[in-house]
Amino acid sequence: MAMNLVFLLEEPSAKQVLDTLLPKLLPSDVSFLTIKHHGKDDLRQSLPRKLRNWKTPDTRFVVLHDQDNCDCEVLKAELQELCRQAGRNDTVIRIVCQELEAWYFGDLAAVERAFPGHRLQQLAEKSAYRDPDAIVKPSDRLEDLIPGFYKGVGAKTIPQHMDIERNRSRSFQVFIQAVRRLCNTAE
């Protein structure tokens, strides 16, 4: 049975990242659609409406939301409540700790390949970078390390080089495991 996965995303850069990574991850009988929003408020406002009105059979939903210094459990509970109100208790919620750019710090070799000339891979062993999900404002940190870096260019270039299996970001790995579990339920 074919399955459709719909990813409801907080921002355009998440769409760019997933549009590159998901084809590497998903089996050929699983189709996907990534829907970007323009921030948290836009996602939260449209989430119940999209979930309630979606008519394509065999569709499962995944919501991807940045933590942004919120309490993870509270944030996840709020999003789950919106999904419950829309009649979609089976929606998978995944929180990116702290921001999507933490996933890049989970694979600094990919960042270095995307931005040649910046010796970043060696940072992975420094205490400030060992836990990518603990880096406060990773987007700002990347801007400090790579002159001219901004979310859009990072989202276009870095995921092409990312190794899904070796990424050290725990929130990235939890997201990947959730997607794989959803694919396994289609079999």
Foldseek 3Di string as FASTA:
>chain_A
DAAEEEEEEFAPLVVLLCVLPVVVQADPSYHYHYDYAPHDVRSLVCVLVCLLPDDDPRYEYEYEEACQPPDVVVVVVVVCVSCVVSVRNRHHYAYQQHDPLLQCLLPVVLVCVLPPPQPRVVCCPPPQSVASSPNRPNQVVVCVRDPPDDSNSCSNRRSNRDDQVRRRHPSSVVVSVVVVVSNVVVD
